[in-house]
Amino acid sequence: MIAVTNCIRVHKGMGGHLETRFERPKHVHRMPGFVSMELLKNGQEEEYDEFVVRTVWQDRAAFDNWVQSEEFKRGHSRREQADGNIIDFKVTIYEVVHRHQPDAESDSAAEAAI
C-alpha cells in the first residue's frame, strides 16, 4: 500500500477554489486500487495557505494507472488553467509501513461507557 501527498501552497485567502474542487471526487474514486482521499488544510502559515491532498492506493501500479489515465490528464490540465493562485506544489510517495484503524471492541467499550 502507498500514500501519495500533494502539498499545494496557494496565495493567502485563495484556497476556496481547492476546497470546492475537492468536495466531491471526480473520477479517482472509481479507479481500481484506489483506497481513500482527503484534503488537509494548514491555516497556520502567515504568507500563504497550504493544502495537502492525500490519496492511498493498494500499490504503486494502481497510482501509476491513475496518473496515466485520460481522466487524470483532463482534470489536471483544467486545474493548471484555472488555478492561477497556486504558488507551488510537491508530490511525495510513501510506502505505508503500518496502518491502524479503530478496534471494533474499543468502539463497543466506548459506547457502553456513555
PDB file of N, CA and C in Angstrom:
ATOM      1  N   MET A   1       0.848  -1.165   0.000  1.00  0.00           N
ATOM      2  CA  MET A   1       0.000   0.000   0.000  1.00  0.00           C
ATOM      3  C   MET A   1       0.896   1.231   0.000  1.00  0.00           C
ATOM      4  N   ILE A   2       0.448   2.278  -0.717  1.00  0.00           N
ATOM      5  CA  ILE A   2       1.197   3.527  -0.724  1.00  0.00           C
ATOM      6  C   ILE A   2       0.268   4.690  -0.405  1.00  0.00           C
ATOM      7  N   ALA A   3       0.846   5.758   0.110  1.00  0.00           N
ATOM      8  CA  ALA A   3       0.147   7.028   0.321  1.00  0.00           C
ATOM      9  C   ALA A   3       0.877   8.078  -0.505  1.00  0.00           C
ATOM     10  N   VAL A   4       0.109   8.871  -1.217  1.00  0.00           N
ATOM     11  CA  VAL A   4       0.675   9.914  -2.063  1.00  0.00           C
ATOM     12  C   VAL A   4       0.168  11.250  -1.545  1.00  0.00           C
ATOM     13  N   THR A   5       1.102  12.165  -1.288  1.00  0.00           N
ATOM     14  CA  THR A   5       0.705  13.502  -0.859  1.00  0.00           C
ATOM     15  C   THR A   5       1.082  14.513  -1.927  1.00  0.00           C
ATOM     16  N   ASN A   6       0.215  15.479  -2.097  1.00  0.00           N
ATOM     17  CA  ASN A   6       0.497  16.618  -2.962  1.00  0.00           C
ATOM     18  C   ASN A   6       0.327  17.851  -2.089  1.00  0.00           C
ATOM     19  N   CYS A   7       1.432  18.443  -1.679  1.00  0.00           N
ATOM     20  CA  CYS A   7       1.414  19.630  -0.832  1.00  0.00           C
ATOM     21  C   CYS A   7       1.329  20.850  -1.749  1.00  0.00           C
ATOM     22  N   ILE A   8       0.233  21.602  -1.621  1.00  0.00           N
ATOM     23  CA  ILE A   8      -0.046  22.724  -2.520  1.00  0.00           C
ATOM     24  C   ILE A   8      -0.071  24.012  -1.708  1.00  0.00           C
ATOM     25  N   ARG A   9       0.732  24.977  -2.111  1.00  0.00           N
ATOM     26  CA  ARG A   9       0.708  26.301  -1.483  1.00  0.00           C
ATOM     27  C   ARG A   9      -0.011  27.267  -2.415  1.00  0.00           C
ATOM     28  N   VAL A  10      -0.978  28.014  -1.854  1.00  0.00           N
ATOM     29  CA  VAL A  10      -1.729  28.997  -2.634  1.00  0.00           C
ATOM     30  C   VAL A  10      -1.635  30.353  -1.944  1.00  0.00           C
ATOM     31  N   HIS A  11      -1.897  31.399  -2.698  1.00  0.00           N
ATOM     32  CA  HIS A  11      -1.883  32.744  -2.126  1.00  0.00           C
ATOM     33  C   HIS A  11      -2.878  32.816  -0.961  1.00  0.00           C
ATOM     34  N   LYS A  12      -2.493  33.534   0.078  1.00  0.00           N
ATOM     35  CA  LYS A  12      -3.284  33.642   1.306  1.00  0.00           C
ATOM     36  C   LYS A  12      -4.731  34.014   0.991  1.00  0.00           C
ATOM     37  N   GLY A  13      -5.660  33.244   1.560  1.00  0.00           N
ATOM     38  CA  GLY A  13      -7.077  33.515   1.397  1.00  0.00           C
ATOM     39  C   GLY A  13      -7.683  33.032   0.090  1.00  0.00           C
ATOM     40  N   MET A  14      -6.895  32.360  -0.738  1.00  0.00           N
ATOM     41  CA  MET A  14      -7.364  31.949  -2.057  1.00  0.00           C
ATOM     42  C   MET A  14      -7.562  30.437  -2.184  1.00  0.00           C
ATOM     43  N   GLY A  15      -7.692  29.744  -1.074  1.00  0.00           N
ATOM     44  CA  GLY A  15      -7.823  28.295  -1.115  1.00  0.00           C
ATOM     45  C   GLY A  15      -9.234  27.783  -1.325  1.00  0.00           C
ATOM     46  N   GLY A  16     -10.208  28.680  -1.367  1.00  0.00           N
ATOM     47  CA  GLY A  16     -11.595  28.263  -1.524  1.00  0.00           C
ATOM     48  C   GLY A  16     -11.832  27.437  -2.781  1.00  0.00           C
ATOM     49  N   HIS A  17     -11.122  27.782  -3.843  1.00  0.00           N
ATOM     50  CA  HIS A  17     -11.275  27.033  -5.096  1.00  0.00           C
ATOM     51  C   HIS A  17     -10.857  25.580  -4.907  1.00  0.00           C
ATOM     52  N   LEU A  18      -9.752  25.357  -4.204  1.00  0.00           N
ATOM     53  CA  LEU A  18      -9.312  23.985  -3.934  1.00  0.00           C
ATOM     54  C   LEU A  18     -10.321  23.248  -3.061  1.00  0.00           C
ATOM     55  N   GLU A  19     -10.814  23.921  -2.042  1.00  0.00           N
ATOM     56  CA  GLU A  19     -11.775  23.287  -1.151  1.00  0.00           C
ATOM     57  C   GLU A  19     -13.022  22.861  -1.930  1.00  0.00           C
ATOM     58  N   THR A  20     -13.511  23.729  -2.776  1.00  0.00           N
ATOM     59  CA  THR A  20     -14.681  23.405  -3.592  1.00  0.00           C
ATOM     60  C   THR A  20     -14.380  22.270  -4.553  1.00  0.00           C
ATOM     61  N   ARG A  21     -13.228  22.337  -5.163  1.00  0.00           N
ATOM     62  CA  ARG A  21     -12.854  21.325  -6.154  1.00  0.00           C
ATOM     63  C   ARG A  21     -12.787  19.919  -5.563  1.00  0.00           C
ATOM     64  N   PHE A  22     -12.390  19.813  -4.300  1.00  0.00           N
ATOM     65  CA  PHE A  22     -12.221  18.506  -3.678  1.00  0.00           C
ATOM     66  C   PHE A  22     -13.416  18.086  -2.823  1.00  0.00           C
ATOM     67  N   GLU A  23     -14.522  18.834  -2.865  1.00  0.00           N
ATOM     68  CA  GLU A  23     -15.705  18.443  -2.091  1.00  0.00           C
ATOM     69  C   GLU A  23     -16.217  17.071  -2.510  1.00  0.00           C
ATOM     70  N   ARG A  24     -16.203  16.821  -3.803  1.00  0.00           N
ATOM     71  CA  ARG A  24     -16.691  15.541  -4.330  1.00  0.00           C
ATOM     72  C   ARG A  24     -15.628  14.946  -5.238  1.00  0.00           C
ATOM     73  N   PRO A  25     -15.401  13.654  -5.105  1.00  0.00           N
ATOM     74  CA  PRO A  25     -14.426  13.023  -6.002  1.00  0.00           C
ATOM     75  C   PRO A  25     -14.963  13.034  -7.433  1.00  0.00           C
ATOM     76  N   LYS A  26     -14.061  13.164  -8.396  1.00  0.00           N
ATOM     77  CA  LYS A  26     -14.485  13.181  -9.794  1.00  0.00           C
ATOM     78  C   LYS A  26     -14.403  11.777 -10.375  1.00  0.00           C
ATOM     79  N   HIS A  27     -13.214  11.320 -10.669  1.00  0.00           N
ATOM     80  CA  HIS A  27     -13.037  10.001 -11.269  1.00  0.00           C
ATOM     81  C   HIS A  27     -12.129   9.108 -10.439  1.00  0.00           C
ATOM     82  N   VAL A  28     -11.328   9.711  -9.591  1.00  0.00           N
ATOM     83  CA  VAL A  28     -10.316   8.946  -8.865  1.00  0.00           C
ATOM     84  C   VAL A  28     -10.939   7.837  -8.026  1.00  0.00           C
ATOM     85  N   HIS A  29     -12.098   8.096  -7.448  1.00  0.00           N
ATOM     86  CA  HIS A  29     -12.706   7.101  -6.558  1.00  0.00           C
ATOM     87  C   HIS A  29     -13.193   5.863  -7.299  1.00  0.00           C
ATOM     88  N   ARG A  30     -13.226   5.918  -8.615  1.00  0.00           N
ATOM     89  CA  ARG A  30     -13.632   4.755  -9.416  1.00  0.00           C
ATOM     90  C   ARG A  30     -12.434   3.956  -9.935  1.00  0.00           C
ATOM     91  N   MET A  31     -11.241   4.435  -9.693  1.00  0.00           N
ATOM     92  CA  MET A  31     -10.049   3.769 -10.224  1.00  0.00           C
ATOM     93  C   MET A  31      -9.749   2.488  -9.445  1.00  0.00           C
ATOM     94  N   PRO A  32      -9.425   1.414 -10.157  1.00  0.00           N
ATOM     95  CA  PRO A  32      -9.014   0.188  -9.466  1.00  0.00           C
ATOM     96  C   PRO A  32      -7.783   0.460  -8.590  1.00  0.00           C
ATOM     97  N   GLY A  33      -7.830  -0.020  -7.365  1.00  0.00           N
ATOM     98  CA  GLY A  33      -6.705   0.152  -6.453  1.00  0.00           C
ATOM     99  C   GLY A  33      -6.774   1.405  -5.599  1.00  0.00           C
ATOM    100  N   PHE A  34      -7.756   2.290  -5.853  1.00  0.00           N
ATOM    101  CA  PHE A  34      -7.925   3.492  -5.037  1.00  0.00           C
ATOM    102  C   PHE A  34      -8.503   3.099  -3.686  1.00  0.00           C
ATOM    103  N   VAL A  35      -7.926   3.630  -2.596  1.00  0.00           N
ATOM    104  CA  VAL A  35      -8.399   3.311  -1.252  1.00  0.00           C
ATOM    105  C   VAL A  35      -9.110   4.501  -0.626  1.00  0.00           C
ATOM    106  N   SER A  36      -8.472   5.682  -0.638  1.00  0.00           N
ATOM    107  CA  SER A  36      -9.096   6.849   0.001  1.00  0.00           C
ATOM    108  C   SER A  36      -8.413   8.141  -0.443  1.00  0.00           C
ATOM    109  N   MET A  37      -9.104   9.250  -0.180  1.00  0.00           N
ATOM    110  CA  MET A  37      -8.561  10.583  -0.456  1.00  0.00           C
ATOM    111  C   MET A  37      -9.031  11.527   0.649  1.00  0.00           C
ATOM    112  N   GLU A  38      -8.155  12.456   1.002  1.00  0.00           N
ATOM    113  CA  GLU A  38      -8.547  13.518   1.923  1.00  0.00           C
ATOM    114  C   GLU A  38      -7.816  14.796   1.555  1.00  0.00           C
ATOM    115  N   LEU A  39      -8.465  15.925   1.831  1.00  0.00           N
ATOM    116  CA  LEU A  39      -7.858  17.237   1.641  1.00  0.00           C
ATOM    117  C   LEU A  39      -7.624  17.823   3.021  1.00  0.00           C
ATOM    118  N   LEU A  40      -6.377  18.135   3.322  1.00  0.00           N
ATOM    119  CA  LEU A  40      -5.995  18.701   4.611  1.00  0.00           C
ATOM    120  C   LEU A  40      -5.626  20.163   4.411  1.00  0.00           C
ATOM    121  N   LYS A  41      -5.998  21.015   5.363  1.00  0.00           N
ATOM    122  CA  LYS A  41      -5.690  22.440   5.267  1.00  0.00           C
ATOM    123  C   LYS A  41      -4.866  22.872   6.467  1.00  0.00           C
ATOM    124  N   ASN A  42      -3.757  23.533   6.193  1.00  0.00           N
ATOM    125  CA  ASN A  42      -2.911  24.115   7.228  1.00  0.00           C
ATOM    126  C   ASN A  42      -3.129  25.617   7.176  1.00  0.00           C
ATOM    127  N   GLY A  43      -3.828  26.158   8.153  1.00  0.00           N
ATOM    128  CA  GLY A  43      -4.090  27.592   8.196  1.00  0.00           C
ATOM    129  C   GLY A  43      -3.112  28.352   9.065  1.00  0.00           C
ATOM    130  N   GLN A  44      -1.998  27.741   9.420  1.00  0.00           N
ATOM    131  CA  GLN A  44      -1.063  28.359  10.350  1.00  0.00           C
ATOM    132  C   GLN A  44       0.000  29.222   9.676  1.00  0.00           C
ATOM    133  N   GLU A  45       0.132  29.111   8.376  1.00  0.00           N
ATOM    134  CA  GLU A  45       1.143  29.896   7.676  1.00  0.00           C
ATOM    135  C   GLU A  45       0.642  31.324   7.468  1.00  0.00           C
ATOM    136  N   GLU A  46       1.502  32.299   7.655  1.00  0.00           N
ATOM    137  CA  GLU A  46       1.100  33.696   7.514  1.00  0.00           C
ATOM    138  C   GLU A  46       1.161  34.193   6.073  1.00  0.00           C
ATOM    139  N   GLU A  47       2.075  33.644   5.294  1.00  0.00           N
ATOM    140  CA  GLU A  47       2.307  34.163   3.949  1.00  0.00           C
ATOM    141  C   GLU A  47       1.476  33.465   2.870  1.00  0.00           C
ATOM    142  N   TYR A  48       0.969  32.274   3.144  1.00  0.00           N
ATOM    143  CA  TYR A  48       0.219  31.505   2.152  1.00  0.00           C
ATOM    144  C   TYR A  48      -0.662  30.493   2.871  1.00  0.00           C
ATOM    145  N   ASP A  49      -1.621  29.919   2.142  1.00  0.00           N
ATOM    146  CA  ASP A  49      -2.411  28.805   2.657  1.00  0.00           C
ATOM    147  C   ASP A  49      -1.813  27.531   2.083  1.00  0.00           C
ATOM    148  N   GLU A  50      -1.778  26.504   2.889  1.00  0.00           N
ATOM    149  CA  GLU A  50      -1.186  25.239   2.473  1.00  0.00           C
ATOM    150  C   GLU A  50      -2.224  24.129   2.586  1.00  0.00           C
ATOM    151  N   PHE A  51      -2.321  23.343   1.526  1.00  0.00           N
ATOM    152  CA  PHE A  51      -3.220  22.197   1.487  1.00  0.00           C
ATOM    153  C   PHE A  51      -2.405  20.957   1.166  1.00  0.00           C
ATOM    154  N   VAL A  52      -2.850  19.823   1.685  1.00  0.00           N
ATOM    155  CA  VAL A  52      -2.246  18.545   1.325  1.00  0.00           C
ATOM    156  C   VAL A  52      -3.375  17.644   0.836  1.00  0.00           C
ATOM    157  N   VAL A  53      -3.222  17.175  -0.393  1.00  0.00           N
ATOM    158  CA  VAL A  53      -4.121  16.160  -0.927  1.00  0.00           C
ATOM    159  C   VAL A  53      -3.432  14.830  -0.653  1.00  0.00           C
ATOM    160  N   ARG A  54      -4.094  13.969   0.098  1.00  0.00           N
ATOM    161  CA  ARG A  54      -3.512  12.671   0.455  1.00  0.00           C
ATOM    162  C   ARG A  54      -4.392  11.581  -0.123  1.00  0.00           C
ATOM    163  N   THR A  55      -3.804  10.767  -0.987  1.00  0.00           N
ATOM    164  CA  THR A  55      -4.519   9.608  -1.516  1.00  0.00           C
ATOM    165  C   THR A  55      -3.789   8.346  -1.067  1.00  0.00           C
ATOM    166  N   VAL A  56      -4.555   7.281  -0.896  1.00  0.00           N
ATOM    167  CA  VAL A  56      -3.991   5.992  -0.526  1.00  0.00           C
ATOM    168  C   VAL A  56      -4.384   5.008  -1.624  1.00  0.00           C
ATOM    169  N   TRP A  57      -3.402   4.188  -2.022  1.00  0.00           N
ATOM    170  CA  TRP A  57      -3.567   3.236  -3.124  1.00  0.00           C
ATOM    171  C   TRP A  57      -3.118   1.857  -2.680  1.00  0.00           C
ATOM    172  N   GLN A  58      -3.718   0.838  -3.271  1.00  0.00           N
ATOM    173  CA  GLN A  58      -3.329  -0.530  -2.947  1.00  0.00           C
ATOM    174  C   GLN A  58      -1.864  -0.785  -3.281  1.00  0.00           C
ATOM    175  N   ASP A  59      -1.382  -0.192  -4.370  1.00  0.00           N
ATOM    176  CA  ASP A  59       0.018  -0.355  -4.749  1.00  0.00           C
ATOM    177  C   ASP A  59       0.417   0.742  -5.731  1.00  0.00           C
ATOM    178  N   ARG A  60       1.695   0.784  -6.041  1.00  0.00           N
ATOM    179  CA  ARG A  60       2.231   1.815  -6.935  1.00  0.00           C
ATOM    180  C   ARG A  60       1.650   1.696  -8.345  1.00  0.00           C
ATOM    181  N   ALA A  61       1.406   0.481  -8.800  1.00  0.00           N
ATOM    182  CA  ALA A  61       0.848   0.276 -10.144  1.00  0.00           C
ATOM    183  C   ALA A  61      -0.533   0.927 -10.253  1.00  0.00           C
ATOM    184  N   ALA A  62      -1.353   0.826  -9.217  1.00  0.00           N
ATOM    185  CA  ALA A  62      -2.684   1.446  -9.237  1.00  0.00           C
ATOM    186  C   ALA A  62      -2.562   2.959  -9.357  1.00  0.00           C
ATOM    187  N   PHE A  63      -1.643   3.557  -8.581  1.00  0.00           N
ATOM    188  CA  PHE A  63      -1.425   5.001  -8.667  1.00  0.00           C
ATOM    189  C   PHE A  63      -0.913   5.394 -10.049  1.00  0.00           C
ATOM    190  N   ASP A  64       0.050   4.653 -10.572  1.00  0.00           N
ATOM    191  CA  ASP A  64       0.589   4.953 -11.897  1.00  0.00           C
ATOM    192  C   ASP A  64      -0.500   4.875 -12.965  1.00  0.00           C
ATOM    193  N   ASN A  65      -1.405   3.910 -12.849  1.00  0.00           N
ATOM    194  CA  ASN A  65      -2.517   3.809 -13.792  1.00  0.00           C
ATOM    195  C   ASN A  65      -3.408   5.045 -13.729  1.00  0.00           C
ATOM    196  N   TRP A  66      -3.622   5.565 -12.523  1.00  0.00           N
ATOM    197  CA  TRP A  66      -4.404   6.795 -12.361  1.00  0.00           C
ATOM    198  C   TRP A  66      -3.701   7.965 -13.057  1.00  0.00           C
ATOM    199  N   VAL A  67      -2.427   8.133 -12.810  1.00  0.00           N
ATOM    200  CA  VAL A  67      -1.684   9.260 -13.374  1.00  0.00           C
ATOM    201  C   VAL A  67      -1.642   9.186 -14.906  1.00  0.00           C
ATOM    202  N   GLN A  68      -1.661   7.991 -15.447  1.00  0.00           N
ATOM    203  CA  GLN A  68      -1.612   7.822 -16.902  1.00  0.00           C
ATOM    204  C   GLN A  68      -2.998   7.833 -17.550  1.00  0.00           C
ATOM    205  N   SER A  69      -4.053   7.905 -16.749  1.00  0.00           N
ATOM    206  CA  SER A  69      -5.413   7.846 -17.281  1.00  0.00           C
ATOM    207  C   SER A  69      -5.810   9.157 -17.950  1.00  0.00           C
ATOM    208  N   GLU A  70      -6.741   9.060 -18.879  1.00  0.00           N
ATOM    209  CA  GLU A  70      -7.270  10.247 -19.553  1.00  0.00           C
ATOM    210  C   GLU A  70      -7.995  11.164 -18.575  1.00  0.00           C
ATOM    211  N   GLU A  71      -8.684  10.586 -17.581  1.00  0.00           N
ATOM    212  CA  GLU A  71      -9.387  11.390 -16.583  1.00  0.00           C
ATOM    213  C   GLU A  71      -8.415  12.259 -15.796  1.00  0.00           C
ATOM    214  N   PHE A  72      -7.288  11.693 -15.400  1.00  0.00           N
ATOM    215  CA  PHE A  72      -6.270  12.455 -14.677  1.00  0.00           C
ATOM    216  C   PHE A  72      -5.749  13.596 -15.547  1.00  0.00           C
ATOM    217  N   LYS A  73      -5.412  13.289 -16.788  1.00  0.00           N
ATOM    218  CA  LYS A  73      -4.856  14.294 -17.692  1.00  0.00           C
ATOM    219  C   LYS A  73      -5.845  15.423 -17.926  1.00  0.00           C
ATOM    220  N   ARG A  74      -7.115  15.098 -18.143  1.00  0.00           N
ATOM    221  CA  ARG A  74      -8.127  16.139 -18.363  1.00  0.00           C
ATOM    222  C   ARG A  74      -8.306  16.996 -17.125  1.00  0.00           C
ATOM    223  N   GLY A  75      -8.450  16.357 -15.983  1.00  0.00           N
ATOM    224  CA  GLY A  75      -8.672  17.103 -14.744  1.00  0.00           C
ATOM    225  C   GLY A  75      -7.522  18.000 -14.363  1.00  0.00           C
ATOM    226  N   HIS A  76      -6.312  17.542 -14.572  1.00  0.00           N
ATOM    227  CA  HIS A  76      -5.161  18.336 -14.165  1.00  0.00           C
ATOM    228  C   HIS A  76      -4.801  19.401 -15.191  1.00  0.00           C
ATOM    229  N   SER A  77      -5.153  19.239 -16.436  1.00  0.00           N
ATOM    230  CA  SER A  77      -4.902  20.307 -17.413  1.00  0.00           C
ATOM    231  C   SER A  77      -5.842  21.470 -17.136  1.00  0.00           C
ATOM    232  N   ARG A  78      -7.085  21.187 -16.742  1.00  0.00           N
ATOM    233  CA  ARG A  78      -8.027  22.255 -16.379  1.00  0.00           C
ATOM    234  C   ARG A  78      -7.561  22.966 -15.122  1.00  0.00           C
ATOM    235  N   ARG A  79      -7.015  22.217 -14.176  1.00  0.00           N
ATOM    236  CA  ARG A  79      -6.542  22.828 -12.931  1.00  0.00           C
ATOM    237  C   ARG A  79      -5.464  23.853 -13.214  1.00  0.00           C
ATOM    238  N   GLU A  80      -4.521  23.492 -14.054  1.00  0.00           N
ATOM    239  CA  GLU A  80      -3.417  24.406 -14.328  1.00  0.00           C
ATOM    240  C   GLU A  80      -3.896  25.665 -15.025  1.00  0.00           C
ATOM    241  N   GLN A  81      -4.953  25.558 -15.817  1.00  0.00           N
ATOM    242  CA  GLN A  81      -5.501  26.735 -16.483  1.00  0.00           C
ATOM    243  C   GLN A  81      -6.270  27.617 -15.505  1.00  0.00           C
ATOM    244  N   ALA A  82      -6.989  26.999 -14.552  1.00  0.00           N
ATOM    245  CA  ALA A  82      -7.899  27.742 -13.687  1.00  0.00           C
ATOM    246  C   ALA A  82      -7.279  28.226 -12.386  1.00  0.00           C
ATOM    247  N   ASP A  83      -6.263  27.570 -11.891  1.00  0.00           N
ATOM    248  CA  ASP A  83      -5.740  27.872 -10.560  1.00  0.00           C
ATOM    249  C   ASP A  83      -4.516  28.780 -10.606  1.00  0.00           C
ATOM    250  N   GLY A  84      -4.705  30.014 -11.000  1.00  0.00           N
ATOM    251  CA  GLY A  84      -3.607  30.964 -11.013  1.00  0.00           C
ATOM    252  C   GLY A  84      -3.124  31.323  -9.622  1.00  0.00           C
ATOM    253  N   ASN A  85      -3.821  30.831  -8.606  1.00  0.00           N
ATOM    254  CA  ASN A  85      -3.446  31.146  -7.232  1.00  0.00           C
ATOM    255  C   ASN A  85      -2.451  30.166  -6.637  1.00  0.00           C
ATOM    256  N   ILE A  86      -2.124  29.110  -7.362  1.00  0.00           N
ATOM    257  CA  ILE A  86      -1.159  28.137  -6.848  1.00  0.00           C
ATOM    258  C   ILE A  86       0.248  28.727  -6.923  1.00  0.00           C
ATOM    259  N   ILE A  87       0.921  28.731  -5.801  1.00  0.00           N
ATOM    260  CA  ILE A  87       2.304  29.201  -5.740  1.00  0.00           C
ATOM    261  C   ILE A  87       3.236  28.078  -6.178  1.00  0.00           C
ATOM    262  N   ASP A  88       3.076  26.915  -5.566  1.00  0.00           N
ATOM    263  CA  ASP A  88       3.857  25.743  -5.960  1.00  0.00           C
ATOM    264  C   ASP A  88       3.230  24.503  -5.342  1.00  0.00           C
ATOM    265  N   PHE A  89       3.761  23.346  -5.717  1.00  0.00           N
ATOM    266  CA  PHE A  89       3.280  22.096  -5.158  1.00  0.00           C
ATOM    267  C   PHE A  89       4.402  21.073  -5.198  1.00  0.00           C
ATOM    268  N   LYS A  90       4.262  20.065  -4.340  1.00  0.00           N
ATOM    269  CA  LYS A  90       5.261  18.997  -4.279  1.00  0.00           C
ATOM    270  C   LYS A  90       4.549  17.674  -4.029  1.00  0.00           C
ATOM    271  N   VAL A  91       4.777  16.699  -4.897  1.00  0.00           N
ATOM    272  CA  VAL A  91       4.189  15.373  -4.769  1.00  0.00           C
ATOM    273  C   VAL A  91       5.226  14.437  -4.142  1.00  0.00           C
ATOM    274  N   THR A  92       4.792  13.683  -3.130  1.00  0.00           N
ATOM    275  CA  THR A  92       5.663  12.727  -2.460  1.00  0.00           C
ATOM    276  C   THR A  92       4.916  11.401  -2.336  1.00  0.00           C
ATOM    277  N   ILE A  93       5.625  10.302  -2.591  1.00  0.00           N
ATOM    278  CA  ILE A  93       5.034   8.972  -2.498  1.00  0.00           C
ATOM    279  C   ILE A  93       5.685   8.230  -1.338  1.00  0.00           C
ATOM    280  N   TYR A  94       4.840   7.690  -0.469  1.00  0.00           N
ATOM    281  CA  TYR A  94       5.301   6.982   0.712  1.00  0.00           C
ATOM    282  C   TYR A  94       4.818   5.532   0.672  1.00  0.00           C
ATOM    283  N   GLU A  95       5.623   4.633   1.147  1.00  0.00           N
ATOM    284  CA  GLU A  95       5.179   3.263   1.383  1.00  0.00           C
ATOM    285  C   GLU A  95       4.497   3.237   2.748  1.00  0.00           C
ATOM    286  N   VAL A  96       3.321   2.654   2.819  1.00  0.00           N
ATOM    287  CA  VAL A  96       2.629   2.530   4.102  1.00  0.00           C
ATOM    288  C   VAL A  96       3.247   1.343   4.838  1.00  0.00           C
ATOM    289  N   VAL A  97       3.932   1.638   5.919  1.00  0.00           N
ATOM    290  CA  VAL A  97       4.628   0.614   6.685  1.00  0.00           C
ATOM    291  C   VAL A  97       3.697   0.012   7.740  1.00  0.00           C
ATOM    292  N   HIS A  98       2.925   0.857   8.416  1.00  0.00           N
ATOM    293  CA  HIS A  98       1.956   0.415   9.418  1.00  0.00           C
ATOM    294  C   HIS A  98       0.686   1.229   9.237  1.00  0.00           C
ATOM    295  N   ARG A  99      -0.430   0.600   9.485  1.00  0.00           N
ATOM    296  CA  ARG A  99      -1.722   1.292   9.406  1.00  0.00           C
ATOM    297  C   ARG A  99      -2.595   0.773  10.534  1.00  0.00           C
ATOM    298  N   HIS A 100      -3.154   1.678  11.318  1.00  0.00           N
ATOM    299  CA  HIS A 100      -4.016   1.297  12.435  1.00  0.00           C
ATOM    300  C   HIS A 100      -5.399   1.887  12.198  1.00  0.00           C
ATOM    301  N   GLN A 101      -6.402   1.095  12.500  1.00  0.00           N
ATOM    302  CA  GLN A 101      -7.772   1.542  12.390  1.00  0.00           C
ATOM    303  C   GLN A 101      -8.465   1.282  13.714  1.00  0.00           C
ATOM    304  N   PRO A 102      -9.609   1.928  13.943  1.00  0.00           N
ATOM    305  CA  PRO A 102     -10.302   1.711  15.218  1.00  0.00           C
ATOM    306  C   PRO A 102     -10.616   0.233  15.428  1.00  0.00           C
ATOM    307  N   ASP A 103     -10.499  -0.189  16.665  1.00  0.00           N
ATOM    308  CA  ASP A 103     -10.813  -1.563  17.053  1.00  0.00           C
ATOM    309  C   ASP A 103     -12.304  -1.630  17.370  1.00  0.00           C
ATOM    310  N   ALA A 104     -13.011  -2.552  16.776  1.00  0.00           N
ATOM    311  CA  ALA A 104     -14.455  -2.687  16.995  1.00  0.00           C
ATOM    312  C   ALA A 104     -14.767  -2.888  18.473  1.00  0.00           C
ATOM    313  N   GLU A 105     -13.915  -3.636  19.180  1.00  0.00           N
ATOM    314  CA  GLU A 105     -14.134  -3.859  20.605  1.00  0.00           C
ATOM    315  C   GLU A 105     -13.973  -2.560  21.389  1.00  0.00           C
ATOM    316  N   SER A 106     -13.008  -1.724  20.991  1.00  0.00           N
ATOM    317  CA  SER A 106     -12.818  -0.439  21.659  1.00  0.00           C
ATOM    318  C   SER A 106     -14.010   0.453  21.446  1.00  0.00           C
ATOM    319  N   ASP A 107     -14.566   0.434  20.229  1.00  0.00           N
ATOM    320  CA  ASP A 107     -15.747   1.225  19.938  1.00  0.00           C
ATOM    321  C   ASP A 107     -16.927   0.797  20.811  1.00  0.00           C
ATOM    322  N   SER A 108     -17.104  -0.506  20.982  1.00  0.00           N
ATOM    323  CA  SER A 108     -18.187  -1.030  21.817  1.00  0.00           C
ATOM    324  C   SER A 108     -18.006  -0.618  23.271  1.00  0.00           C
ATOM    325  N   ALA A 109     -16.776  -0.682  23.756  1.00  0.00           N
ATOM    326  CA  ALA A 109     -16.493  -0.290  25.141  1.00  0.00           C
ATOM    327  C   ALA A 109     -16.756   1.200  25.337  1.00  0.00           C
ATOM    328  N   ALA A 110     -16.387   2.018  24.354  1.00  0.00           N
ATOM    329  CA  ALA A 110     -16.613   3.460  24.447  1.00  0.00           C
ATOM    330  C   ALA A 110     -18.103   3.768  24.466  1.00  0.00           C
ATOM    331  N   GLU A 111     -18.877   3.076  23.622  1.00  0.00           N
ATOM    332  CA  GLU A 111     -20.321   3.298  23.593  1.00  0.00           C
ATOM    333  C   GLU A 111     -20.963   2.865  24.899  1.00  0.00           C
ATOM    334  N   ALA A 112     -20.494   1.776  25.491  1.00  0.00           N
ATOM    335  CA  ALA A 112     -21.043   1.278  26.734  1.00  0.00           C
ATOM    336  C   ALA A 112     -20.778   2.249  27.893  1.00  0.00           C
ATOM    337  N   ALA A 113     -19.672   2.979  27.798  1.00  0.00           N
ATOM    338  CA  ALA A 113     -19.301   3.925  28.853  1.00  0.00           C
ATOM    339  C   ALA A 113     -20.161   5.187  28.813  1.00  0.00           C
ATOM    340  N   ILE A 114     -20.833   5.419  27.715  1.00  0.00           N
ATOM    341  CA  ILE A 114     -21.623   6.673  27.573  1.00  0.00           C
ATOM    342  C   ILE A 114     -22.944   6.559  28.260  1.00  0.00           C
TER     343      ILE A 114
END
